[in-house]
């Protein structure tokens, strides 16, 4: 649930400045996922996908198209495909 109470302009601008200064120049999505008998760390970082487990670090091959990538990330994280598309397209434009 989001609080939609209007902010004073000064508070809004301060929050916007803080937010824009911490946005990375490359995409990063992290989550914990079940893996065998443990919880592993799954990561999409700077267009690379990896899974970190107690057995080691596993790199995923790059996905063919943006649609393939979005489908893969959505299946792994449960994130909305439209949202992923909008965000990743913005990062692609920034490359």
N, C-alpha and C. Protein backbone atom coordinates (compact mmCIF):
# COMPACT_ATOMS: atom_id res chain seq x y z
N UNK A 1 0.85 -1.17 0.00
CA UNK A 1 0.00 0.00 0.00
C UNK A 1 0.90 1.24 0.00
N UNK A 2 0.59 2.18 -0.83
CA UNK A 2 1.38 3.40 -0.92
C UNK A 2 0.62 4.56 -0.28
N UNK A 3 1.37 5.43 0.37
CA UNK A 3 0.80 6.64 0.94
C UNK A 3 0.78 7.70 -0.15
N UNK A 4 -0.39 8.13 -0.52
CA UNK A 4 -0.52 9.11 -1.62
C UNK A 4 -0.78 10.53 -1.11
N UNK A 5 -0.51 10.75 0.17
CA UNK A 5 -0.67 12.08 0.72
C UNK A 5 0.31 13.02 0.01
N UNK A 6 -0.18 14.14 -0.50
CA UNK A 6 0.71 15.08 -1.20
C UNK A 6 1.85 15.57 -0.29
N UNK A 7 3.03 15.72 -0.87
CA UNK A 7 4.19 16.25 -0.16
C UNK A 7 4.35 17.72 -0.48
N UNK A 8 5.02 18.42 0.44
CA UNK A 8 5.41 19.78 0.11
C UNK A 8 6.49 19.69 -0.97
N UNK A 9 6.53 20.68 -1.83
CA UNK A 9 7.46 20.65 -2.96
C UNK A 9 8.91 20.47 -2.51
N UNK A 10 9.30 21.13 -1.45
CA UNK A 10 10.68 21.05 -0.97
C UNK A 10 11.03 19.60 -0.58
N UNK A 11 10.14 18.94 0.14
CA UNK A 11 10.37 17.54 0.54
C UNK A 11 10.40 16.63 -0.68
N UNK A 12 9.52 16.89 -1.63
CA UNK A 12 9.48 16.09 -2.86
C UNK A 12 10.79 16.22 -3.64
N UNK A 13 11.27 17.43 -3.82
CA UNK A 13 12.50 17.66 -4.57
C UNK A 13 13.71 17.05 -3.87
N UNK A 14 13.73 17.11 -2.55
CA UNK A 14 14.82 16.49 -1.80
C UNK A 14 14.81 14.97 -2.00
N UNK A 15 13.63 14.36 -1.92
CA UNK A 15 13.50 12.92 -2.12
C UNK A 15 13.89 12.54 -3.55
N UNK A 16 13.48 13.33 -4.52
CA UNK A 16 13.81 13.06 -5.91
C UNK A 16 15.33 13.13 -6.14
N UNK A 17 15.98 14.11 -5.56
CA UNK A 17 17.43 14.25 -5.69
C UNK A 17 18.15 13.05 -5.07
N UNK A 18 17.70 12.64 -3.90
CA UNK A 18 18.30 11.48 -3.24
C UNK A 18 18.11 10.23 -4.09
N UNK A 19 16.90 10.03 -4.59
CA UNK A 19 16.60 8.85 -5.40
C UNK A 19 17.43 8.81 -6.67
N UNK A 20 17.52 9.91 -7.38
CA UNK A 20 18.25 9.89 -8.65
C UNK A 20 19.75 9.72 -8.44
N UNK A 21 20.25 10.08 -7.27
CA UNK A 21 21.68 9.92 -7.04
C UNK A 21 22.05 8.48 -6.68
N UNK A 22 21.07 7.65 -6.37
CA UNK A 22 21.38 6.26 -6.03
C UNK A 22 20.96 5.27 -7.12
N UNK A 23 20.38 5.75 -8.20
CA UNK A 23 20.01 4.87 -9.30
C UNK A 23 21.29 4.48 -10.05
N UNK A 24 21.49 3.21 -10.20
CA UNK A 24 22.68 2.70 -10.88
C UNK A 24 22.60 2.94 -12.39
N UNK A 25 23.73 2.93 -13.04
CA UNK A 25 23.75 3.09 -14.49
C UNK A 25 23.50 1.76 -15.21
N UNK A 26 23.50 0.66 -14.46
CA UNK A 26 23.20 -0.66 -15.03
C UNK A 26 22.14 -1.33 -14.15
N UNK A 27 21.33 -2.20 -14.73
CA UNK A 27 20.26 -2.83 -13.95
C UNK A 27 20.78 -3.85 -12.94
N UNK A 28 20.08 -3.94 -11.80
CA UNK A 28 20.39 -4.93 -10.77
C UNK A 28 19.08 -5.43 -10.17
N UNK A 29 18.89 -6.74 -10.22
CA UNK A 29 17.75 -7.39 -9.56
C UNK A 29 18.33 -8.55 -8.77
N UNK A 30 18.00 -8.64 -7.51
CA UNK A 30 18.48 -9.72 -6.67
C UNK A 30 17.30 -10.37 -5.95
N UNK A 31 17.38 -11.67 -5.75
CA UNK A 31 16.36 -12.33 -4.94
C UNK A 31 16.90 -13.65 -4.41
N UNK A 32 16.26 -14.14 -3.41
CA UNK A 32 16.59 -15.44 -2.83
C UNK A 32 15.66 -16.47 -3.45
N UNK A 33 16.22 -17.59 -3.86
CA UNK A 33 15.42 -18.63 -4.51
C UNK A 33 15.76 -20.00 -3.91
N UNK A 34 14.78 -20.89 -3.85
CA UNK A 34 15.07 -22.25 -3.39
C UNK A 34 16.01 -22.95 -4.37
N UNK A 35 16.97 -23.65 -3.85
CA UNK A 35 17.91 -24.42 -4.67
C UNK A 35 18.31 -25.66 -3.87
N UNK A 36 17.94 -26.81 -4.36
CA UNK A 36 18.20 -28.07 -3.67
C UNK A 36 17.75 -27.95 -2.21
N UNK A 37 18.69 -28.07 -1.27
CA UNK A 37 18.34 -28.00 0.16
C UNK A 37 18.74 -26.67 0.79
N UNK A 38 18.80 -25.62 0.00
CA UNK A 38 19.22 -24.32 0.53
C UNK A 38 18.46 -23.19 -0.14
N UNK A 39 18.70 -22.01 0.33
CA UNK A 39 18.20 -20.80 -0.31
C UNK A 39 19.40 -20.13 -0.96
N UNK A 40 19.35 -19.99 -2.28
CA UNK A 40 20.46 -19.43 -3.05
C UNK A 40 20.20 -17.97 -3.38
N UNK A 41 21.24 -17.30 -3.80
CA UNK A 41 21.16 -15.89 -4.20
C UNK A 41 21.17 -15.82 -5.72
N UNK A 42 20.04 -15.36 -6.30
CA UNK A 42 19.92 -15.20 -7.74
C UNK A 42 20.09 -13.73 -8.06
N UNK A 43 20.81 -13.44 -9.16
CA UNK A 43 21.12 -12.04 -9.46
C UNK A 43 21.14 -11.78 -10.97
N UNK A 44 20.53 -10.67 -11.34
CA UNK A 44 20.64 -10.13 -12.69
C UNK A 44 21.37 -8.81 -12.51
N UNK A 45 22.63 -8.76 -12.92
CA UNK A 45 23.46 -7.59 -12.66
C UNK A 45 24.21 -7.21 -13.93
N UNK A 46 23.99 -5.99 -14.38
CA UNK A 46 24.66 -5.48 -15.58
C UNK A 46 24.49 -6.43 -16.76
N UNK A 47 23.28 -6.93 -16.94
CA UNK A 47 22.87 -7.78 -18.05
C UNK A 47 23.39 -9.22 -17.95
N UNK A 48 24.03 -9.57 -16.84
CA UNK A 48 24.48 -10.94 -16.61
C UNK A 48 23.63 -11.58 -15.52
N UNK A 49 23.40 -12.89 -15.64
CA UNK A 49 22.58 -13.61 -14.69
C UNK A 49 23.44 -14.67 -14.01
N UNK A 50 23.33 -14.74 -12.68
CA UNK A 50 24.10 -15.75 -11.95
C UNK A 50 23.29 -16.27 -10.76
N UNK A 51 23.70 -17.44 -10.30
CA UNK A 51 23.12 -18.07 -9.14
C UNK A 51 24.27 -18.45 -8.22
N UNK A 52 24.24 -17.93 -7.00
CA UNK A 52 25.28 -18.20 -6.02
C UNK A 52 24.76 -19.18 -4.99
N UNK A 53 25.44 -20.32 -4.89
CA UNK A 53 25.03 -21.38 -3.96
C UNK A 53 26.23 -21.80 -3.12
N UNK A 54 26.00 -22.68 -2.17
CA UNK A 54 27.12 -23.20 -1.39
C UNK A 54 28.03 -24.08 -2.26
N UNK A 55 27.52 -24.52 -3.41
CA UNK A 55 28.32 -25.32 -4.34
C UNK A 55 29.19 -24.46 -5.26
N UNK A 56 28.87 -23.18 -5.35
CA UNK A 56 29.63 -22.29 -6.22
C UNK A 56 28.75 -21.30 -6.94
N UNK A 57 29.37 -20.55 -7.84
CA UNK A 57 28.69 -19.53 -8.63
C UNK A 57 28.42 -20.08 -10.02
N UNK A 58 27.16 -20.01 -10.42
CA UNK A 58 26.75 -20.49 -11.74
C UNK A 58 26.30 -19.32 -12.59
N UNK A 59 26.93 -19.15 -13.74
CA UNK A 59 26.55 -18.09 -14.69
C UNK A 59 25.58 -18.66 -15.70
N UNK A 60 24.51 -17.91 -15.95
CA UNK A 60 23.53 -18.29 -16.98
C UNK A 60 23.99 -17.73 -18.32
N UNK A 61 23.76 -18.46 -19.40
CA UNK A 61 24.05 -17.89 -20.72
C UNK A 61 23.14 -16.69 -20.98
N UNK A 62 23.64 -15.75 -21.74
CA UNK A 62 22.83 -14.57 -22.08
C UNK A 62 21.61 -14.99 -22.86
N UNK A 63 20.50 -14.31 -22.63
CA UNK A 63 19.25 -14.62 -23.32
C UNK A 63 19.26 -13.96 -24.68
N UNK A 64 18.58 -14.59 -25.66
CA UNK A 64 18.61 -14.15 -27.05
C UNK A 64 18.03 -12.77 -27.29
N UNK A 65 16.83 -12.52 -26.80
CA UNK A 65 16.17 -11.24 -27.08
C UNK A 65 15.74 -10.60 -25.76
N UNK A 66 15.35 -9.36 -25.84
CA UNK A 66 14.85 -8.67 -24.65
C UNK A 66 13.60 -9.38 -24.12
N UNK A 67 12.75 -9.85 -25.02
CA UNK A 67 11.53 -10.57 -24.62
C UNK A 67 11.90 -11.85 -23.87
N UNK A 68 12.91 -12.59 -24.37
CA UNK A 68 13.37 -13.80 -23.69
C UNK A 68 13.88 -13.46 -22.29
N UNK A 69 14.64 -12.39 -22.19
CA UNK A 69 15.19 -11.96 -20.91
C UNK A 69 14.08 -11.59 -19.93
N UNK A 70 13.12 -10.82 -20.40
CA UNK A 70 12.00 -10.40 -19.56
C UNK A 70 11.22 -11.61 -19.07
N UNK A 71 10.97 -12.55 -19.96
CA UNK A 71 10.25 -13.77 -19.60
C UNK A 71 11.01 -14.55 -18.52
N UNK A 72 12.31 -14.68 -18.71
CA UNK A 72 13.15 -15.41 -17.77
C UNK A 72 13.14 -14.74 -16.39
N UNK A 73 13.36 -13.43 -16.36
CA UNK A 73 13.39 -12.70 -15.09
C UNK A 73 12.03 -12.76 -14.41
N UNK A 74 10.98 -12.59 -15.16
CA UNK A 74 9.63 -12.63 -14.60
C UNK A 74 9.34 -14.00 -13.98
N UNK A 75 9.72 -15.06 -14.68
CA UNK A 75 9.51 -16.41 -14.16
C UNK A 75 10.32 -16.65 -12.88
N UNK A 76 11.51 -16.08 -12.81
CA UNK A 76 12.38 -16.28 -11.65
C UNK A 76 11.93 -15.45 -10.45
N UNK A 77 11.47 -14.22 -10.71
CA UNK A 77 11.20 -13.28 -9.61
C UNK A 77 9.72 -13.05 -9.33
N UNK A 78 8.88 -13.32 -10.34
CA UNK A 78 7.46 -12.99 -10.19
C UNK A 78 7.16 -11.54 -10.54
N UNK A 79 8.16 -10.79 -11.00
CA UNK A 79 7.94 -9.39 -11.37
C UNK A 79 7.05 -9.30 -12.59
N UNK A 80 6.28 -8.24 -12.65
CA UNK A 80 5.39 -7.97 -13.77
C UNK A 80 6.19 -7.75 -15.05
N UNK A 81 5.80 -8.43 -16.12
CA UNK A 81 6.53 -8.35 -17.39
C UNK A 81 6.50 -6.95 -18.00
N UNK A 82 5.37 -6.27 -17.89
CA UNK A 82 5.29 -4.91 -18.43
C UNK A 82 6.26 -3.99 -17.70
N UNK A 83 6.29 -4.10 -16.37
CA UNK A 83 7.20 -3.28 -15.57
C UNK A 83 8.65 -3.58 -15.94
N UNK A 84 9.00 -4.86 -16.03
CA UNK A 84 10.36 -5.23 -16.43
C UNK A 84 10.71 -4.67 -17.80
N UNK A 85 9.78 -4.76 -18.73
CA UNK A 85 10.02 -4.24 -20.08
C UNK A 85 10.32 -2.75 -20.03
N UNK A 86 9.50 -2.00 -19.33
CA UNK A 86 9.70 -0.54 -19.25
C UNK A 86 11.05 -0.20 -18.63
N UNK A 87 11.40 -0.87 -17.55
CA UNK A 87 12.65 -0.57 -16.85
C UNK A 87 13.86 -0.98 -17.69
N UNK A 88 13.84 -2.19 -18.21
CA UNK A 88 14.99 -2.66 -18.98
C UNK A 88 15.17 -1.89 -20.28
N UNK A 89 14.09 -1.48 -20.90
CA UNK A 89 14.22 -0.65 -22.10
C UNK A 89 14.88 0.69 -21.76
N UNK A 90 14.54 1.25 -20.62
CA UNK A 90 15.18 2.50 -20.21
C UNK A 90 16.68 2.29 -20.00
N UNK A 91 17.04 1.22 -19.32
CA UNK A 91 18.47 0.94 -19.13
C UNK A 91 19.17 0.69 -20.46
N UNK A 92 18.50 0.03 -21.38
CA UNK A 92 19.12 -0.21 -22.69
C UNK A 92 19.37 1.11 -23.41
N UNK A 93 18.45 2.05 -23.29
CA UNK A 93 18.64 3.37 -23.92
C UNK A 93 19.82 4.11 -23.29
N UNK A 94 20.09 3.86 -22.00
CA UNK A 94 21.19 4.54 -21.30
C UNK A 94 22.56 3.96 -21.66
N UNK A 95 22.58 2.75 -22.25
CA UNK A 95 23.87 2.10 -22.56
C UNK A 95 24.72 2.95 -23.47
